[in-house]
Amino acid sequence: MIIEFSNGKIVLTAFEVQVRLNSQCHLYAMVEDIKFHQDALMMIADAGAVRWNLKLDNEQQLLQIKTELGVS
């Protein structure tokens, strides 16, 4: 599934999340390394030594990602 947001695209598969930031930078994380901060509309990847976070545009995007990844 591909979700477009103001800074690029989020590509979701069963095992991986890819964030393509305006075709300039790509971020990758395994699904099990993704967490969410609902109130701040943040998707957070934390794999120990590598960490990044992404501010989403709206709650609908956050819910769509969580549904696609099977995260409650």
PDB file of N, CA and C in Angstrom:
ATOM      1  N   MET A   1       0.845  -1.166   0.000  1.00  0.00           N
ATOM      2  CA  MET A   1       0.000   0.000   0.000  1.00  0.00           C
ATOM      3  C   MET A   1       0.896   1.236   0.000  1.00  0.00           C
ATOM      4  N   ILE A   2       0.482   2.267  -0.717  1.00  0.00           N
ATOM      5  CA  ILE A   2       1.207   3.536  -0.749  1.00  0.00           C
ATOM      6  C   ILE A   2       0.306   4.629  -0.205  1.00  0.00           C
ATOM      7  N   ILE A   3       0.823   5.391   0.750  1.00  0.00           N
ATOM      8  CA  ILE A   3       0.101   6.523   1.323  1.00  0.00           C
ATOM      9  C   ILE A   3       0.910   7.777   1.022  1.00  0.00           C
ATOM     10  N   GLU A   4       0.285   8.731   0.365  1.00  0.00           N
ATOM     11  CA  GLU A   4       0.957   9.992   0.070  1.00  0.00           C
ATOM     12  C   GLU A   4       0.707  10.963   1.217  1.00  0.00           C
ATOM     13  N   PHE A   5       1.744  11.719   1.571  1.00  0.00           N
ATOM     14  CA  PHE A   5       1.605  12.762   2.575  1.00  0.00           C
ATOM     15  C   PHE A   5       2.403  13.970   2.096  1.00  0.00           C
ATOM     16  N   SER A   6       2.359  15.046   2.838  1.00  0.00           N
ATOM     17  CA  SER A   6       2.895  16.325   2.364  1.00  0.00           C
ATOM     18  C   SER A   6       4.381  16.296   2.023  1.00  0.00           C
ATOM     19  N   ASN A   7       5.154  15.390   2.612  1.00  0.00           N
ATOM     20  CA  ASN A   7       6.592  15.346   2.363  1.00  0.00           C
ATOM     21  C   ASN A   7       7.043  14.170   1.515  1.00  0.00           C
ATOM     22  N   GLY A   8       6.102  13.410   0.952  1.00  0.00           N
ATOM     23  CA  GLY A   8       6.487  12.286   0.111  1.00  0.00           C
ATOM     24  C   GLY A   8       5.484  11.156   0.160  1.00  0.00           C
ATOM     25  N   LYS A   9       6.021   9.924   0.219  1.00  0.00           N
ATOM     26  CA  LYS A   9       5.177   8.730   0.205  1.00  0.00           C
ATOM     27  C   LYS A   9       5.633   7.753   1.283  1.00  0.00           C
ATOM     28  N   ILE A  10       4.659   7.007   1.804  1.00  0.00           N
ATOM     29  CA  ILE A  10       4.929   5.924   2.738  1.00  0.00           C
ATOM     30  C   ILE A  10       4.515   4.641   2.036  1.00  0.00           C
ATOM     31  N   VAL A  11       5.437   3.706   1.910  1.00  0.00           N
ATOM     32  CA  VAL A  11       5.173   2.435   1.253  1.00  0.00           C
ATOM     33  C   VAL A  11       5.158   1.353   2.337  1.00  0.00           C
ATOM     34  N   LEU A  12       4.041   0.648   2.424  1.00  0.00           N
ATOM     35  CA  LEU A  12       3.857  -0.367   3.457  1.00  0.00           C
ATOM     36  C   LEU A  12       3.800  -1.758   2.831  1.00  0.00           C
ATOM     37  N   THR A  13       4.560  -2.681   3.379  1.00  0.00           N
ATOM     38  CA  THR A  13       4.452  -4.089   3.001  1.00  0.00           C
ATOM     39  C   THR A  13       4.211  -4.870   4.282  1.00  0.00           C
ATOM     40  N   ALA A  14       4.074  -6.159   4.157  1.00  0.00           N
ATOM     41  CA  ALA A  14       3.826  -6.995   5.338  1.00  0.00           C
ATOM     42  C   ALA A  14       5.001  -6.993   6.309  1.00  0.00           C
ATOM     43  N   PHE A  15       6.205  -6.700   5.820  1.00  0.00           N
ATOM     44  CA  PHE A  15       7.403  -6.809   6.654  1.00  0.00           C
ATOM     45  C   PHE A  15       8.182  -5.510   6.821  1.00  0.00           C
ATOM     46  N   GLU A  16       7.922  -4.517   5.956  1.00  0.00           N
ATOM     47  CA  GLU A  16       8.770  -3.334   5.930  1.00  0.00           C
ATOM     48  C   GLU A  16       7.966  -2.067   5.691  1.00  0.00           C
ATOM     49  N   VAL A  17       8.471  -0.969   6.264  1.00  0.00           N
ATOM     50  CA  VAL A  17       7.934   0.364   6.010  1.00  0.00           C
ATOM     51  C   VAL A  17       9.029   1.168   5.319  1.00  0.00           C
ATOM     52  N   GLN A  18       8.686   1.786   4.204  1.00  0.00           N
ATOM     53  CA  GLN A  18       9.608   2.670   3.508  1.00  0.00           C
ATOM     54  C   GLN A  18       8.992   4.067   3.496  1.00  0.00           C
ATOM     55  N   VAL A  19       9.800   5.064   3.783  1.00  0.00           N
ATOM     56  CA  VAL A  19       9.357   6.447   3.693  1.00  0.00           C
ATOM     57  C   VAL A  19      10.228   7.112   2.633  1.00  0.00           C
ATOM     58  N   ARG A  20       9.596   7.639   1.608  1.00  0.00           N
ATOM     59  CA  ARG A  20      10.314   8.307   0.521  1.00  0.00           C
ATOM     60  C   ARG A  20      10.030   9.802   0.641  1.00  0.00           C
ATOM     61  N   LEU A  21      11.014  10.531   1.097  1.00  0.00           N
ATOM     62  CA  LEU A  21      10.856  11.955   1.348  1.00  0.00           C
ATOM     63  C   LEU A  21      11.194  12.755   0.091  1.00  0.00           C
ATOM     64  N   ASN A  22      10.171  13.163  -0.642  1.00  0.00           N
ATOM     65  CA  ASN A  22      10.313  13.981  -1.851  1.00  0.00           C
ATOM     66  C   ASN A  22      11.431  13.486  -2.765  1.00  0.00           C
ATOM     67  N   SER A  23      11.555  12.179  -2.898  1.00  0.00           N
ATOM     68  CA  SER A  23      12.533  11.525  -3.770  1.00  0.00           C
ATOM     69  C   SER A  23      13.986  11.858  -3.444  1.00  0.00           C
ATOM     70  N   GLN A  24      14.234  12.466  -2.306  1.00  0.00           N
ATOM     71  CA  GLN A  24      15.592  12.840  -1.928  1.00  0.00           C
ATOM     72  C   GLN A  24      16.193  11.893  -0.892  1.00  0.00           C
ATOM     73  N   CYS A  25      15.353  11.327  -0.059  1.00  0.00           N
ATOM     74  CA  CYS A  25      15.831  10.512   1.051  1.00  0.00           C
ATOM     75  C   CYS A  25      14.843   9.369   1.272  1.00  0.00           C
ATOM     76  N   HIS A  26      15.358   8.171   1.482  1.00  0.00           N
ATOM     77  CA  HIS A  26      14.505   7.023   1.762  1.00  0.00           C
ATOM     78  C   HIS A  26      14.860   6.477   3.138  1.00  0.00           C
ATOM     79  N   LEU A  27      13.831   6.243   3.955  1.00  0.00           N
ATOM     80  CA  LEU A  27      13.995   5.659   5.273  1.00  0.00           C
ATOM     81  C   LEU A  27      13.345   4.279   5.263  1.00  0.00           C
ATOM     82  N   TYR A  28      13.996   3.305   5.878  1.00  0.00           N
ATOM     83  CA  TYR A  28      13.479   1.949   5.923  1.00  0.00           C
ATOM     84  C   TYR A  28      13.437   1.467   7.369  1.00  0.00           C
ATOM     85  N   ALA A  29      12.419   0.645   7.665  1.00  0.00           N
ATOM     86  CA  ALA A  29      12.348   0.004   8.982  1.00  0.00           C
ATOM     87  C   ALA A  29      11.513  -1.259   8.865  1.00  0.00           C
ATOM     88  N   MET A  30      11.851  -2.224   9.666  1.00  0.00           N
ATOM     89  CA  MET A  30      11.041  -3.433   9.742  1.00  0.00           C
ATOM     90  C   MET A  30       9.783  -3.104  10.544  1.00  0.00           C
ATOM     91  N   VAL A  31       8.689  -3.763  10.222  1.00  0.00           N
ATOM     92  CA  VAL A  31       7.404  -3.470  10.869  1.00  0.00           C
ATOM     93  C   VAL A  31       7.505  -3.601  12.382  1.00  0.00           C
ATOM     94  N   GLU A  32       8.244  -4.599  12.874  1.00  0.00           N
ATOM     95  CA  GLU A  32       8.324  -4.796  14.328  1.00  0.00           C
ATOM     96  C   GLU A  32       9.080  -3.675  15.040  1.00  0.00           C
ATOM     97  N   ASP A  33       9.783  -2.822  14.298  1.00  0.00           N
ATOM     98  CA  ASP A  33      10.511  -1.696  14.893  1.00  0.00           C
ATOM     99  C   ASP A  33       9.720  -0.395  14.862  1.00  0.00           C
ATOM    100  N   ILE A  34       8.473  -0.436  14.394  1.00  0.00           N
ATOM    101  CA  ILE A  34       7.639   0.761  14.270  1.00  0.00           C
ATOM    102  C   ILE A  34       6.710   0.884  15.473  1.00  0.00           C
ATOM    103  N   LYS A  35       6.638   2.098  15.996  1.00  0.00           N
ATOM    104  CA  LYS A  35       5.704   2.438  17.072  1.00  0.00           C
ATOM    105  C   LYS A  35       4.976   3.714  16.666  1.00  0.00           C
ATOM    106  N   PHE A  36       3.924   4.033  17.396  1.00  0.00           N
ATOM    107  CA  PHE A  36       3.118   5.207  17.069  1.00  0.00           C
ATOM    108  C   PHE A  36       2.864   6.042  18.309  1.00  0.00           C
ATOM    109  N   HIS A  37       2.830   7.344  18.123  1.00  0.00           N
ATOM    110  CA  HIS A  37       2.422   8.271  19.176  1.00  0.00           C
ATOM    111  C   HIS A  37       1.178   8.967  18.632  1.00  0.00           C
ATOM    112  N   GLN A  38       0.022   8.455  19.058  1.00  0.00           N
ATOM    113  CA  GLN A  38      -1.275   8.870  18.516  1.00  0.00           C
ATOM    114  C   GLN A  38      -1.507  10.371  18.640  1.00  0.00           C
ATOM    115  N   ASP A  39      -1.301  10.939  19.822  1.00  0.00           N
ATOM    116  CA  ASP A  39      -1.609  12.352  20.046  1.00  0.00           C
ATOM    117  C   ASP A  39      -0.757  13.288  19.201  1.00  0.00           C
ATOM    118  N   ALA A  40       0.471  12.909  18.942  1.00  0.00           N
ATOM    119  CA  ALA A  40       1.378  13.760  18.167  1.00  0.00           C
ATOM    120  C   ALA A  40       1.382  13.397  16.679  1.00  0.00           C
ATOM    121  N   LEU A  41       0.589  12.388  16.286  1.00  0.00           N
ATOM    122  CA  LEU A  41       0.541  11.914  14.902  1.00  0.00           C
ATOM    123  C   LEU A  41       1.923  11.520  14.394  1.00  0.00           C
ATOM    124  N   MET A  42       2.659  10.798  15.235  1.00  0.00           N
ATOM    125  CA  MET A  42       4.024  10.407  14.903  1.00  0.00           C
ATOM    126  C   MET A  42       4.118   8.902  14.661  1.00  0.00           C
ATOM    127  N   MET A  43       4.879   8.546  13.623  1.00  0.00           N
ATOM    128  CA  MET A  43       5.295   7.172  13.395  1.00  0.00           C
ATOM    129  C   MET A  43       6.782   7.149  13.737  1.00  0.00           C
ATOM    130  N   ILE A  44       7.172   6.225  14.609  1.00  0.00           N
ATOM    131  CA  ILE A  44       8.538   6.203  15.133  1.00  0.00           C
ATOM    132  C   ILE A  44       9.169   4.845  14.827  1.00  0.00           C
ATOM    133  N   ALA A  45      10.346   4.886  14.226  1.00  0.00           N
ATOM    134  CA  ALA A  45      11.119   3.665  13.992  1.00  0.00           C
ATOM    135  C   ALA A  45      12.269   3.665  14.984  1.00  0.00           C
ATOM    136  N   ASP A  46      12.394   2.585  15.737  1.00  0.00           N
ATOM    137  CA  ASP A  46      13.455   2.482  16.731  1.00  0.00           C
ATOM    138  C   ASP A  46      14.039   1.070  16.669  1.00  0.00           C
ATOM    139  N   ALA A  47      15.213   0.977  16.051  1.00  0.00           N
ATOM    140  CA  ALA A  47      15.882  -0.314  15.912  1.00  0.00           C
ATOM    141  C   ALA A  47      17.185  -0.315  16.681  1.00  0.00           C
ATOM    142  N   GLY A  48      17.179   0.309  17.841  1.00  0.00           N
ATOM    143  CA  GLY A  48      18.383   0.355  18.661  1.00  0.00           C
ATOM    144  C   GLY A  48      19.266   1.527  18.279  1.00  0.00           C
ATOM    145  N   ALA A  49      20.294   1.263  17.498  1.00  0.00           N
ATOM    146  CA  ALA A  49      21.241   2.313  17.119  1.00  0.00           C
ATOM    147  C   ALA A  49      20.688   3.241  16.045  1.00  0.00           C
ATOM    148  N   VAL A  50      19.652   2.814  15.344  1.00  0.00           N
ATOM    149  CA  VAL A  50      19.050   3.632  14.293  1.00  0.00           C
ATOM    150  C   VAL A  50      17.646   4.031  14.729  1.00  0.00           C
ATOM    151  N   ARG A  51      17.383   5.326  14.661  1.00  0.00           N
ATOM    152  CA  ARG A  51      16.074   5.823  15.086  1.00  0.00           C
ATOM    153  C   ARG A  51      15.669   6.983  14.182  1.00  0.00           C
ATOM    154  N   TRP A  52      14.394   6.990  13.775  1.00  0.00           N
ATOM    155  CA  TRP A  52      13.839   8.130  13.059  1.00  0.00           C
ATOM    156  C   TRP A  52      12.359   8.244  13.394  1.00  0.00           C
ATOM    157  N   ASN A  53      11.812   9.431  13.190  1.00  0.00           N
ATOM    158  CA  ASN A  53      10.380   9.623  13.399  1.00  0.00           C
ATOM    159  C   ASN A  53       9.829  10.495  12.292  1.00  0.00           C
ATOM    160  N   LEU A  54       8.531  10.360  12.079  1.00  0.00           N
ATOM    161  CA  LEU A  54       7.862  11.032  10.979  1.00  0.00           C
ATOM    162  C   LEU A  54       6.561  11.621  11.472  1.00  0.00           C
ATOM    163  N   LYS A  55       6.374  12.909  11.270  1.00  0.00           N
ATOM    164  CA  LYS A  55       5.125  13.589  11.615  1.00  0.00           C
ATOM    165  C   LYS A  55       4.170  13.427  10.439  1.00  0.00           C
ATOM    166  N   LEU A  56       3.031  12.820  10.696  1.00  0.00           N
ATOM    167  CA  LEU A  56       2.025  12.619   9.659  1.00  0.00           C
ATOM    168  C   LEU A  56       1.130  13.845   9.547  1.00  0.00           C
ATOM    169  N   ASP A  57       0.415  13.939   8.433  1.00  0.00           N
ATOM    170  CA  ASP A  57      -0.435  15.100   8.182  1.00  0.00           C
ATOM    171  C   ASP A  57      -1.721  15.088   9.004  1.00  0.00           C
ATOM    172  N   ASN A  58      -2.284  13.882   9.211  1.00  0.00           N
ATOM    173  CA  ASN A  58      -3.576  13.818   9.905  1.00  0.00           C
ATOM    174  C   ASN A  58      -3.769  12.439  10.539  1.00  0.00           C
ATOM    175  N   GLU A  59      -4.781  12.347  11.369  1.00  0.00           N
ATOM    176  CA  GLU A  59      -5.054  11.106  12.100  1.00  0.00           C
ATOM    177  C   GLU A  59      -5.479   9.980  11.162  1.00  0.00           C
ATOM    178  N   GLN A  60      -6.134  10.312  10.064  1.00  0.00           N
ATOM    179  CA  GLN A  60      -6.562   9.296   9.100  1.00  0.00           C
ATOM    180  C   GLN A  60      -5.354   8.532   8.552  1.00  0.00           C
ATOM    181  N   GLN A  61      -4.272   9.228   8.254  1.00  0.00           N
ATOM    182  CA  GLN A  61      -3.061   8.558   7.777  1.00  0.00           C
ATOM    183  C   GLN A  61      -2.515   7.605   8.834  1.00  0.00           C
ATOM    184  N   LEU A  62      -2.469   8.065  10.072  1.00  0.00           N
ATOM    185  CA  LEU A  62      -1.971   7.235  11.163  1.00  0.00           C
ATOM    186  C   LEU A  62      -2.810   5.973  11.314  1.00  0.00           C
ATOM    187  N   LEU A  63      -4.121   6.113  11.291  1.00  0.00           N
ATOM    188  CA  LEU A  63      -5.007   4.962  11.434  1.00  0.00           C
ATOM    189  C   LEU A  63      -4.896   4.019  10.242  1.00  0.00           C
ATOM    190  N   GLN A  64      -4.734   4.574   9.056  1.00  0.00           N
ATOM    191  CA  GLN A  64      -4.583   3.761   7.853  1.00  0.00           C
ATOM    192  C   GLN A  64      -3.299   2.925   7.920  1.00  0.00           C
ATOM    193  N   ILE A  65      -2.220   3.518   8.376  1.00  0.00           N
ATOM    194  CA  ILE A  65      -0.953   2.800   8.517  1.00  0.00           C
ATOM    195  C   ILE A  65      -1.075   1.706   9.572  1.00  0.00           C
ATOM    196  N   LYS A  66      -1.647   2.048  10.722  1.00  0.00           N
ATOM    197  CA  LYS A  66      -1.795   1.058  11.792  1.00  0.00           C
ATOM    198  C   LYS A  66      -2.662  -0.110  11.342  1.00  0.00           C
ATOM    199  N   THR A  67      -3.718   0.167  10.597  1.00  0.00           N
ATOM    200  CA  THR A  67      -4.593  -0.887  10.095  1.00  0.00           C
ATOM    201  C   THR A  67      -3.852  -1.784   9.116  1.00  0.00           C
ATOM    202  N   GLU A  68      -3.127  -1.177   8.183  1.00  0.00           N
ATOM    203  CA  GLU A  68      -2.389  -1.939   7.185  1.00  0.00           C
ATOM    204  C   GLU A  68      -1.315  -2.828   7.813  1.00  0.00           C
ATOM    205  N   LEU A  69      -0.666  -2.333   8.855  1.00  0.00           N
ATOM    206  CA  LEU A  69       0.386  -3.093   9.515  1.00  0.00           C
ATOM    207  C   LEU A  69      -0.146  -4.064  10.570  1.00  0.00           C
ATOM    208  N   GLY A  70      -1.439  -3.977  10.877  1.00  0.00           N
ATOM    209  CA  GLY A  70      -2.023  -4.867  11.867  1.00  0.00           C
ATOM    210  C   GLY A  70      -1.627  -4.511  13.288  1.00  0.00           C
ATOM    211  N   VAL A  71      -1.415  -3.212  13.533  1.00  0.00           N
ATOM    212  CA  VAL A  71      -1.017  -2.722  14.844  1.00  0.00           C
ATOM    213  C   VAL A  71      -2.232  -2.085  15.512  1.00  0.00           C
ATOM    214  N   SER A  72      -2.426  -2.377  16.801  1.00  0.00           N
ATOM    215  CA  SER A  72      -3.558  -1.741  17.494  1.00  0.00           C
ATOM    216  C   SER A  72      -3.108  -0.615  18.367  1.00  0.00           C
TER     217      SER A  72
END
